[in-house]
Amino acid sequence: MPGGSDPEGAAAGAAPSGQDVPFSFSPEPTLEDIRRLQTEFAAERDWDQFHKPRNLLLALVGEVGELAELFQWKPDGGPGPLSWSEAERGALGEELSDVLIYLVALASRCHIDLPQAVLAKIETNRRHYPVHLARGSSCKYTELPHEDIPKAESLGPAPGAAECAPDPKGAEGTN
């Protein structure tokens, strides 16, 4: 699949020896390039009239559904998509691309600088999920212990990481 580096050949359907196959995205196109390409594509077809935020969001949700279908009924164990056939991996790339294109188009329509929003969100997540409390835990930040636990120097799970207690206030939100 173009656009990524895969030194182990997993993109061609070869099963890697482990799940931690080195991977990185190619430097181009940038999100701005993708935004520009999508904007030009839609403008050439006079589709801008159909690309209101609500429409883009619903299209994005539909594409996420199509992406989910690729994973439906697949076994949980093993190397997962790294061992899929070339055709399945091609479909995976197409659906992931559709999701990204609609996401970028929605961010553009809403005037959200997506790269800057990502950086801000990662910083928020760093505050919500300090390593010494969140390591090895799938708990939501509202369920993590908040007492003054010293920062662990080890790489083991945080104290209480295996158990999540519901937030007594019933706080809702996203990660």
N, C-alpha and C. Protein backbone atom coordinates (compact mmCIF):
# COMPACT_ATOMS: atom_id res chain seq x y z
N MET A 1 0.85 -1.17 0.00
CA MET A 1 0.00 0.00 0.00
C MET A 1 0.89 1.24 0.00
N PRO A 2 0.67 2.18 -0.89
CA PRO A 2 1.49 3.38 -0.89
C PRO A 2 1.23 4.22 0.34
N GLY A 3 2.21 4.99 0.71
CA GLY A 3 2.02 5.94 1.79
C GLY A 3 2.57 5.50 3.13
N GLY A 4 3.15 4.36 3.22
CA GLY A 4 3.71 3.92 4.49
C GLY A 4 4.98 3.13 4.25
N SER A 5 5.75 3.00 5.30
CA SER A 5 6.94 2.17 5.16
C SER A 5 6.70 0.89 5.90
N ASP A 6 7.08 -0.19 5.31
CA ASP A 6 6.85 -1.49 5.91
C ASP A 6 8.04 -2.39 5.59
N PRO A 7 9.11 -2.28 6.37
CA PRO A 7 10.33 -3.02 6.07
C PRO A 7 10.16 -4.53 6.13
N GLU A 8 9.16 -5.02 6.81
CA GLU A 8 8.97 -6.47 6.95
C GLU A 8 8.11 -7.05 5.83
N GLY A 9 7.52 -6.20 4.98
CA GLY A 9 6.69 -6.69 3.89
C GLY A 9 5.29 -7.06 4.31
N ALA A 10 4.83 -6.63 5.47
CA ALA A 10 3.50 -7.00 5.94
C ALA A 10 2.41 -6.44 5.05
N ALA A 11 2.65 -5.31 4.38
CA ALA A 11 1.62 -4.72 3.53
C ALA A 11 1.26 -5.64 2.38
N ALA A 12 2.17 -6.50 1.99
CA ALA A 12 1.91 -7.42 0.89
C ALA A 12 1.18 -8.67 1.37
N GLY A 13 0.82 -8.70 2.64
CA GLY A 13 0.08 -9.83 3.16
C GLY A 13 0.94 -10.85 3.88
N ALA A 14 2.24 -10.64 3.92
CA ALA A 14 3.12 -11.58 4.62
C ALA A 14 2.91 -11.45 6.12
N ALA A 15 2.85 -12.57 6.78
CA ALA A 15 2.69 -12.55 8.24
C ALA A 15 4.02 -12.21 8.88
N PRO A 16 4.07 -11.14 9.67
CA PRO A 16 5.32 -10.78 10.33
C PRO A 16 5.62 -11.74 11.47
N SER A 17 6.87 -11.74 11.91
CA SER A 17 7.26 -12.63 13.00
C SER A 17 6.68 -12.16 14.33
N GLY A 18 6.37 -10.87 14.45
CA GLY A 18 5.80 -10.32 15.68
C GLY A 18 4.85 -9.19 15.37
N GLN A 19 4.13 -8.76 16.39
CA GLN A 19 3.16 -7.70 16.18
C GLN A 19 3.80 -6.32 16.20
N ASP A 20 5.02 -6.19 16.67
CA ASP A 20 5.67 -4.90 16.79
C ASP A 20 6.54 -4.62 15.57
N VAL A 21 5.96 -4.72 14.40
CA VAL A 21 6.67 -4.45 13.16
C VAL A 21 6.90 -2.94 13.08
N PRO A 22 8.15 -2.51 12.85
CA PRO A 22 8.40 -1.07 12.73
C PRO A 22 7.57 -0.47 11.60
N PHE A 23 7.03 0.71 11.84
CA PHE A 23 6.18 1.36 10.85
C PHE A 23 6.26 2.86 11.05
N SER A 24 6.20 3.58 9.96
CA SER A 24 6.03 5.03 10.03
C SER A 24 5.31 5.48 8.79
N PHE A 25 4.59 6.60 8.91
CA PHE A 25 3.91 7.17 7.76
C PHE A 25 4.93 7.88 6.87
N SER A 26 4.60 7.98 5.61
CA SER A 26 5.43 8.78 4.72
C SER A 26 5.20 10.26 5.05
N PRO A 27 6.17 11.13 4.76
CA PRO A 27 6.01 12.53 5.12
C PRO A 27 5.01 13.29 4.25
N GLU A 28 4.66 12.75 3.11
CA GLU A 28 3.71 13.41 2.22
C GLU A 28 2.67 12.41 1.76
N PRO A 29 1.45 12.82 1.56
CA PRO A 29 0.98 14.19 1.67
C PRO A 29 0.72 14.59 3.12
N THR A 30 0.79 15.86 3.38
CA THR A 30 0.46 16.39 4.70
C THR A 30 -1.05 16.49 4.83
N LEU A 31 -1.52 16.76 6.04
CA LEU A 31 -2.97 16.98 6.20
C LEU A 31 -3.43 18.17 5.37
N GLU A 32 -2.59 19.19 5.27
CA GLU A 32 -2.95 20.34 4.44
C GLU A 32 -3.04 19.93 2.97
N ASP A 33 -2.14 19.07 2.52
CA ASP A 33 -2.22 18.57 1.14
C ASP A 33 -3.53 17.80 0.94
N ILE A 34 -3.88 16.96 1.90
CA ILE A 34 -5.12 16.18 1.81
C ILE A 34 -6.33 17.12 1.78
N ARG A 35 -6.30 18.15 2.63
CA ARG A 35 -7.41 19.12 2.65
C ARG A 35 -7.54 19.79 1.28
N ARG A 36 -6.41 20.22 0.73
CA ARG A 36 -6.42 20.91 -0.56
C ARG A 36 -6.90 19.97 -1.67
N LEU A 37 -6.39 18.75 -1.71
CA LEU A 37 -6.80 17.79 -2.73
C LEU A 37 -8.30 17.49 -2.67
N GLN A 38 -8.81 17.30 -1.47
CA GLN A 38 -10.23 17.01 -1.30
C GLN A 38 -11.07 18.22 -1.70
N THR A 39 -10.62 19.41 -1.32
CA THR A 39 -11.35 20.64 -1.67
C THR A 39 -11.41 20.80 -3.18
N GLU A 40 -10.29 20.59 -3.86
CA GLU A 40 -10.25 20.68 -5.32
C GLU A 40 -11.15 19.63 -5.96
N PHE A 41 -11.09 18.41 -5.45
CA PHE A 41 -11.91 17.31 -5.98
C PHE A 41 -13.39 17.67 -5.88
N ALA A 42 -13.82 18.14 -4.71
CA ALA A 42 -15.23 18.49 -4.51
C ALA A 42 -15.62 19.69 -5.36
N ALA A 43 -14.75 20.70 -5.46
CA ALA A 43 -15.06 21.90 -6.25
C ALA A 43 -15.23 21.56 -7.73
N GLU A 44 -14.37 20.69 -8.25
CA GLU A 44 -14.48 20.30 -9.66
C GLU A 44 -15.82 19.66 -9.99
N ARG A 45 -16.43 19.06 -8.99
CA ARG A 45 -17.70 18.35 -9.19
C ARG A 45 -18.90 19.14 -8.68
N ASP A 46 -18.66 20.35 -8.21
CA ASP A 46 -19.71 21.20 -7.62
C ASP A 46 -20.40 20.49 -6.46
N TRP A 47 -19.60 19.84 -5.62
CA TRP A 47 -20.13 19.12 -4.48
C TRP A 47 -20.06 19.94 -3.19
N ASP A 48 -19.44 21.09 -3.24
CA ASP A 48 -19.32 21.90 -2.02
C ASP A 48 -20.69 22.15 -1.40
N GLN A 49 -21.70 22.31 -2.24
CA GLN A 49 -23.06 22.54 -1.75
C GLN A 49 -23.58 21.40 -0.87
N PHE A 50 -23.02 20.21 -1.04
CA PHE A 50 -23.46 19.05 -0.27
C PHE A 50 -22.58 18.79 0.96
N HIS A 51 -21.49 19.52 1.07
CA HIS A 51 -20.51 19.25 2.11
C HIS A 51 -20.66 20.19 3.30
N LYS A 52 -21.84 20.23 3.85
CA LYS A 52 -22.09 20.96 5.09
C LYS A 52 -21.60 20.09 6.24
N PRO A 53 -21.28 20.69 7.39
CA PRO A 53 -20.74 19.87 8.49
C PRO A 53 -21.58 18.64 8.82
N ARG A 54 -22.87 18.78 8.88
CA ARG A 54 -23.75 17.64 9.21
C ARG A 54 -23.58 16.52 8.18
N ASN A 55 -23.57 16.89 6.88
CA ASN A 55 -23.42 15.88 5.83
C ASN A 55 -22.07 15.19 5.90
N LEU A 56 -21.02 15.97 6.15
CA LEU A 56 -19.69 15.38 6.25
C LEU A 56 -19.59 14.45 7.46
N LEU A 57 -20.20 14.86 8.57
CA LEU A 57 -20.19 14.01 9.76
C LEU A 57 -20.91 12.69 9.48
N LEU A 58 -22.07 12.75 8.87
CA LEU A 58 -22.81 11.52 8.58
C LEU A 58 -22.05 10.64 7.59
N ALA A 59 -21.39 11.25 6.61
CA ALA A 59 -20.56 10.47 5.68
C ALA A 59 -19.41 9.82 6.42
N LEU A 60 -18.80 10.55 7.35
CA LEU A 60 -17.70 10.01 8.16
C LEU A 60 -18.18 8.81 8.98
N VAL A 61 -19.32 8.94 9.60
CA VAL A 61 -19.87 7.84 10.40
C VAL A 61 -20.13 6.62 9.50
N GLY A 62 -20.67 6.86 8.32
CA GLY A 62 -20.89 5.75 7.38
C GLY A 62 -19.61 5.05 7.01
N GLU A 63 -18.56 5.83 6.77
CA GLU A 63 -17.27 5.24 6.42
C GLU A 63 -16.66 4.48 7.59
N VAL A 64 -16.85 4.98 8.81
CA VAL A 64 -16.37 4.25 9.98
C VAL A 64 -17.12 2.91 10.07
N GLY A 65 -18.39 2.91 9.74
CA GLY A 65 -19.15 1.66 9.71
C GLY A 65 -18.59 0.69 8.69
N GLU A 66 -18.23 1.19 7.51
CA GLU A 66 -17.64 0.32 6.49
C GLU A 66 -16.28 -0.21 6.95
N LEU A 67 -15.52 0.62 7.64
CA LEU A 67 -14.25 0.18 8.21
C LEU A 67 -14.49 -0.92 9.26
N ALA A 68 -15.49 -0.72 10.10
CA ALA A 68 -15.80 -1.71 11.14
C ALA A 68 -16.20 -3.05 10.53
N GLU A 69 -16.89 -3.01 9.39
CA GLU A 69 -17.29 -4.26 8.74
C GLU A 69 -16.09 -5.13 8.37
N LEU A 70 -14.97 -4.49 8.05
CA LEU A 70 -13.78 -5.27 7.70
C LEU A 70 -13.26 -6.08 8.88
N PHE A 71 -13.49 -5.58 10.08
CA PHE A 71 -13.02 -6.25 11.30
C PHE A 71 -14.07 -7.20 11.89
N GLN A 72 -15.31 -7.02 11.46
CA GLN A 72 -16.39 -7.84 12.02
C GLN A 72 -16.15 -9.31 11.71
N TRP A 73 -16.31 -10.13 12.69
CA TRP A 73 -16.20 -11.58 12.61
C TRP A 73 -14.77 -12.08 12.42
N LYS A 74 -13.80 -11.20 12.53
CA LYS A 74 -12.40 -11.63 12.47
C LYS A 74 -11.99 -12.06 13.87
N PRO A 75 -11.08 -13.04 13.97
CA PRO A 75 -10.62 -13.46 15.30
C PRO A 75 -9.80 -12.35 15.96
N ASP A 76 -9.85 -12.30 17.29
CA ASP A 76 -9.13 -11.28 18.04
C ASP A 76 -7.64 -11.56 18.16
N GLY A 77 -7.25 -12.79 18.18
CA GLY A 77 -5.85 -13.13 18.42
C GLY A 77 -4.99 -13.00 17.18
N GLY A 78 -3.72 -13.25 17.36
CA GLY A 78 -2.79 -13.26 16.24
C GLY A 78 -2.41 -11.88 15.75
N PRO A 79 -1.77 -11.83 14.59
CA PRO A 79 -1.27 -10.55 14.08
C PRO A 79 -2.35 -9.64 13.51
N GLY A 80 -3.59 -10.11 13.42
CA GLY A 80 -4.68 -9.26 12.94
C GLY A 80 -4.47 -8.81 11.51
N PRO A 81 -4.73 -7.51 11.24
CA PRO A 81 -4.67 -7.01 9.86
C PRO A 81 -3.32 -7.20 9.18
N LEU A 82 -2.26 -7.39 9.96
CA LEU A 82 -0.95 -7.62 9.33
C LEU A 82 -0.92 -8.94 8.57
N SER A 83 -1.82 -9.85 8.90
CA SER A 83 -1.85 -11.15 8.23
C SER A 83 -2.98 -11.27 7.21
N TRP A 84 -3.74 -10.20 7.02
CA TRP A 84 -4.84 -10.24 6.06
C TRP A 84 -4.30 -10.38 4.63
N SER A 85 -5.17 -10.84 3.75
CA SER A 85 -4.79 -10.98 2.35
C SER A 85 -4.54 -9.60 1.74
N GLU A 86 -3.90 -9.60 0.60
CA GLU A 86 -3.62 -8.33 -0.10
C GLU A 86 -4.92 -7.59 -0.41
N ALA A 87 -5.95 -8.31 -0.82
CA ALA A 87 -7.24 -7.67 -1.13
C ALA A 87 -7.86 -7.06 0.13
N GLU A 88 -7.80 -7.81 1.25
CA GLU A 88 -8.36 -7.28 2.50
C GLU A 88 -7.59 -6.05 2.97
N ARG A 89 -6.28 -6.08 2.85
CA ARG A 89 -5.47 -4.92 3.26
C ARG A 89 -5.71 -3.74 2.33
N GLY A 90 -5.94 -4.01 1.05
CA GLY A 90 -6.29 -2.94 0.12
C GLY A 90 -7.60 -2.28 0.51
N ALA A 91 -8.60 -3.10 0.87
CA ALA A 91 -9.88 -2.56 1.33
C ALA A 91 -9.71 -1.77 2.62
N LEU A 92 -8.86 -2.26 3.51
CA LEU A 92 -8.58 -1.56 4.76
C LEU A 92 -7.99 -0.18 4.47
N GLY A 93 -7.03 -0.11 3.57
CA GLY A 93 -6.44 1.17 3.20
C GLY A 93 -7.46 2.12 2.60
N GLU A 94 -8.36 1.60 1.77
CA GLU A 94 -9.39 2.45 1.17
C GLU A 94 -10.34 3.00 2.22
N GLU A 95 -10.79 2.15 3.13
CA GLU A 95 -11.74 2.61 4.15
C GLU A 95 -11.09 3.58 5.12
N LEU A 96 -9.84 3.30 5.52
CA LEU A 96 -9.13 4.25 6.39
C LEU A 96 -8.95 5.59 5.68
N SER A 97 -8.66 5.54 4.38
CA SER A 97 -8.53 6.77 3.60
C SER A 97 -9.84 7.54 3.54
N ASP A 98 -10.94 6.84 3.32
CA ASP A 98 -12.25 7.50 3.31
C ASP A 98 -12.51 8.20 4.63
N VAL A 99 -12.20 7.52 5.74
CA VAL A 99 -12.41 8.11 7.07
C VAL A 99 -11.55 9.37 7.21
N LEU A 100 -10.29 9.27 6.83
CA LEU A 100 -9.39 10.42 6.95
C LEU A 100 -9.85 11.58 6.06
N ILE A 101 -10.23 11.30 4.84
CA ILE A 101 -10.66 12.35 3.92
C ILE A 101 -11.88 13.08 4.48
N TYR A 102 -12.88 12.35 4.96
CA TYR A 102 -14.06 13.01 5.53
C TYR A 102 -13.73 13.75 6.82
N LEU A 103 -12.84 13.19 7.62
CA LEU A 103 -12.44 13.86 8.86
C LEU A 103 -11.75 15.19 8.55
N VAL A 104 -10.83 15.17 7.60
CA VAL A 104 -10.13 16.39 7.21
C VAL A 104 -11.11 17.39 6.60
N ALA A 105 -12.03 16.92 5.77
CA ALA A 105 -13.02 17.82 5.17
C ALA A 105 -13.91 18.45 6.24
N LEU A 106 -14.31 17.67 7.23
CA LEU A 106 -15.14 18.20 8.31
C LEU A 106 -14.38 19.23 9.13
N ALA A 107 -13.14 18.93 9.46
CA ALA A 107 -12.31 19.88 10.21
C ALA A 107 -12.14 21.17 9.41
N SER A 108 -11.93 21.05 8.12
CA SER A 108 -11.76 22.23 7.27
C SER A 108 -13.04 23.06 7.24
N ARG A 109 -14.16 22.40 7.05
CA ARG A 109 -15.45 23.11 6.98
C ARG A 109 -15.74 23.83 8.30
N CYS A 110 -15.29 23.25 9.40
CA CYS A 110 -15.53 23.83 10.73
C CYS A 110 -14.39 24.77 11.16
N HIS A 111 -13.41 24.96 10.28
CA HIS A 111 -12.25 25.81 10.56
C HIS A 111 -11.51 25.37 11.83
N ILE A 112 -11.28 24.06 11.91
CA ILE A 112 -10.49 23.49 12.99
C ILE A 112 -9.14 23.10 12.41
N ASP A 113 -8.08 23.68 12.95
CA ASP A 113 -6.72 23.35 12.52
C ASP A 113 -6.39 22.00 13.16
N LEU A 114 -6.63 20.94 12.42
CA LEU A 114 -6.54 19.59 12.96
C LEU A 114 -5.18 19.26 13.58
N PRO A 115 -4.06 19.57 12.93
CA PRO A 115 -2.78 19.26 13.58
C PRO A 115 -2.63 19.97 14.93
N GLN A 116 -3.04 21.23 15.02
CA GLN A 116 -2.94 21.95 16.29
C GLN A 116 -3.93 21.40 17.31
N ALA A 117 -5.11 21.01 16.86
CA ALA A 117 -6.10 20.42 17.76
C ALA A 117 -5.59 19.10 18.32
N VAL A 118 -4.89 18.31 17.49
CA VAL A 118 -4.31 17.04 17.94
C VAL A 118 -3.26 17.30 19.02
N LEU A 119 -2.39 18.27 18.79
CA LEU A 119 -1.37 18.58 19.79
C LEU A 119 -2.00 19.00 21.11
N ALA A 120 -3.04 19.84 21.04
CA ALA A 120 -3.72 20.28 22.26
C ALA A 120 -4.40 19.10 22.96
N LYS A 121 -5.00 18.21 22.19
CA LYS A 121 -5.69 17.06 22.78
C LYS A 121 -4.70 16.10 23.43
N ILE A 122 -3.55 15.90 22.81
CA ILE A 122 -2.54 15.03 23.42
C ILE A 122 -2.08 15.63 24.74
N GLU A 123 -1.91 16.94 24.80
CA GLU A 123 -1.52 17.59 26.05
C GLU A 123 -2.61 17.42 27.11
N THR A 124 -3.86 17.56 26.73
CA THR A 124 -4.97 17.33 27.66
C THR A 124 -4.93 15.89 28.16
N ASN A 125 -4.71 14.94 27.25
CA ASN A 125 -4.64 13.54 27.65
C ASN A 125 -3.47 13.27 28.58
N ARG A 126 -2.35 13.96 28.39
CA ARG A 126 -1.21 13.82 29.31
C ARG A 126 -1.62 14.23 30.72
N ARG A 127 -2.39 15.30 30.83
CA ARG A 127 -2.85 15.74 32.15
C ARG A 127 -3.87 14.77 32.74
N HIS A 128 -4.77 14.25 31.90
CA HIS A 128 -5.80 13.33 32.38
C HIS A 128 -5.24 11.95 32.72
N TYR A 129 -4.20 11.55 32.03
CA TYR A 129 -3.65 10.20 32.18
C TYR A 129 -2.16 10.24 32.52
N PRO A 130 -1.81 10.72 33.72
CA PRO A 130 -0.38 10.73 34.07
C PRO A 130 0.14 9.29 34.10
N VAL A 131 1.35 9.12 33.62
CA VAL A 131 1.94 7.78 33.49
C VAL A 131 1.87 7.03 34.81
N HIS A 132 2.18 7.69 35.91
CA HIS A 132 2.25 6.97 37.20
C HIS A 132 0.88 6.49 37.66
N LEU A 133 -0.20 7.01 37.08
CA LEU A 133 -1.55 6.53 37.44
C LEU A 133 -2.17 5.66 36.35
N ALA A 134 -1.81 5.88 35.11
CA ALA A 134 -2.51 5.23 34.00
C ALA A 134 -1.78 4.06 33.37
N ARG A 135 -0.50 3.88 33.66
CA ARG A 135 0.25 2.80 33.01
C ARG A 135 -0.43 1.45 33.24
N GLY A 136 -0.70 0.76 32.12
CA GLY A 136 -1.28 -0.58 32.18
C GLY A 136 -2.76 -0.61 32.51
N SER A 137 -3.41 0.54 32.54
CA SER A 137 -4.82 0.60 32.89
C SER A 137 -5.65 1.06 31.70
N SER A 138 -6.82 0.48 31.55
CA SER A 138 -7.75 0.93 30.51
C SER A 138 -8.85 1.80 31.11
N CYS A 139 -8.68 2.19 32.36
CA CYS A 139 -9.68 3.02 33.03
C CYS A 139 -9.75 4.41 32.40
N LYS A 140 -10.94 4.96 32.39
CA LYS A 140 -11.12 6.34 32.00
C LYS A 140 -10.49 7.22 33.08
N TYR A 141 -10.06 8.41 32.70
CA TYR A 141 -9.35 9.28 33.67
C TYR A 141 -10.19 9.58 34.90
N THR A 142 -11.51 9.61 34.77
CA THR A 142 -12.36 9.87 35.93
C THR A 142 -12.40 8.69 36.89
N GLU A 143 -11.91 7.53 36.44
CA GLU A 143 -11.91 6.33 37.27
C GLU A 143 -10.53 6.03 37.85
N LEU A 144 -9.52 6.76 37.45
CA LEU A 144 -8.17 6.53 37.97
C LEU A 144 -8.08 7.02 39.41
N PRO A 145 -7.21 6.40 40.20
CA PRO A 145 -7.03 6.89 41.58
C PRO A 145 -6.45 8.31 41.52
N HIS A 146 -6.89 9.16 42.41
CA HIS A 146 -6.42 10.55 42.40
C HIS A 146 -5.64 10.92 43.64
N GLU A 147 -5.46 9.95 44.56
CA GLU A 147 -4.67 10.26 45.74
C GLU A 147 -3.22 10.47 45.32
N ASP A 148 -2.45 11.07 46.15
CA ASP A 148 -1.06 11.37 45.84
C ASP A 148 -0.24 10.09 45.86
N ILE A 149 -0.17 9.45 44.72
CA ILE A 149 0.64 8.24 44.57
C ILE A 149 1.97 8.68 43.98
N PRO A 150 3.08 8.30 44.60
CA PRO A 150 4.37 8.70 44.04
C PRO A 150 4.55 8.14 42.63
N LYS A 151 5.21 8.91 41.79
CA LYS A 151 5.46 8.46 40.43
C LYS A 151 6.33 7.22 40.46
N ALA A 152 5.85 6.19 39.79
CA ALA A 152 6.58 4.91 39.78
C ALA A 152 7.75 5.01 38.81
N GLU A 153 8.86 4.49 39.23
CA GLU A 153 10.04 4.46 38.37
C GLU A 153 10.04 3.20 37.51
N SER A 154 9.26 2.20 37.92
CA SER A 154 9.26 0.95 37.18
C SER A 154 8.34 1.06 35.98
N LEU A 155 8.40 0.07 35.10
CA LEU A 155 7.54 0.03 33.94
C LEU A 155 6.30 -0.81 34.18
N GLY A 156 6.07 -1.23 35.41
CA GLY A 156 4.92 -2.05 35.73
C GLY A 156 3.65 -1.22 35.75
N PRO A 157 2.50 -1.90 35.91
CA PRO A 157 1.23 -1.19 35.95
C PRO A 157 1.17 -0.23 37.13
N ALA A 158 0.40 0.80 36.97
CA ALA A 158 0.19 1.75 38.05
C ALA A 158 -0.58 1.07 39.17
N PRO A 159 -0.43 1.53 40.41
CA PRO A 159 -1.20 0.95 41.51
C PRO A 159 -2.69 1.04 41.20
N GLY A 160 -3.39 -0.06 41.36
CA GLY A 160 -4.83 -0.07 41.10
C GLY A 160 -5.18 -0.11 39.64
N ALA A 161 -4.21 -0.33 38.76
CA ALA A 161 -4.46 -0.27 37.32
C ALA A 161 -5.40 -1.36 36.84
N ALA A 162 -5.42 -2.49 37.52
CA ALA A 162 -6.25 -3.60 37.07
C ALA A 162 -7.72 -3.37 37.35
N GLU A 163 -8.03 -2.50 38.29
CA GLU A 163 -9.42 -2.30 38.66
C GLU A 163 -9.82 -0.85 38.42
N CYS A 164 -10.99 -0.68 37.86
CA CYS A 164 -11.54 0.66 37.65
C CYS A 164 -12.75 0.81 38.55
N ALA A 165 -12.78 1.89 39.25
CA ALA A 165 -13.95 2.19 40.08
C ALA A 165 -14.78 3.24 39.37
N PRO A 166 -16.10 3.08 39.32
CA PRO A 166 -16.92 4.09 38.66
C PRO A 166 -16.79 5.44 39.36
N ASP A 167 -16.85 6.48 38.58
CA ASP A 167 -16.79 7.84 39.13
C ASP A 167 -18.05 8.05 39.97
N PRO A 168 -17.91 8.42 41.25
CA PRO A 168 -19.09 8.59 42.08
C PRO A 168 -20.03 9.68 41.57
N LYS A 169 -19.52 10.61 40.82
CA LYS A 169 -20.36 11.68 40.29
C LYS A 169 -20.99 11.29 38.96
N GLY A 170 -20.59 10.15 38.43
CA GLY A 170 -21.13 9.71 37.15
C GLY A 170 -20.67 10.59 36.00
N ALA A 171 -19.44 11.12 36.10
CA ALA A 171 -18.93 12.03 35.10
C ALA A 171 -18.88 11.35 33.74
N GLU A 172 -19.26 12.07 32.73
CA GLU A 172 -19.20 11.59 31.36
C GLU A 172 -18.19 12.43 30.61
N GLY A 173 -17.74 11.95 29.50
CA GLY A 173 -16.82 12.70 28.67
C GLY A 173 -16.03 11.76 27.80
N THR A 174 -15.10 12.33 27.06
CA THR A 174 -14.28 11.52 26.18
C THR A 174 -12.85 11.54 26.70
N ASN A 175 -12.11 10.56 26.21
CA ASN A 175 -10.70 10.50 26.58
C ASN A 175 -9.98 11.66 26.08
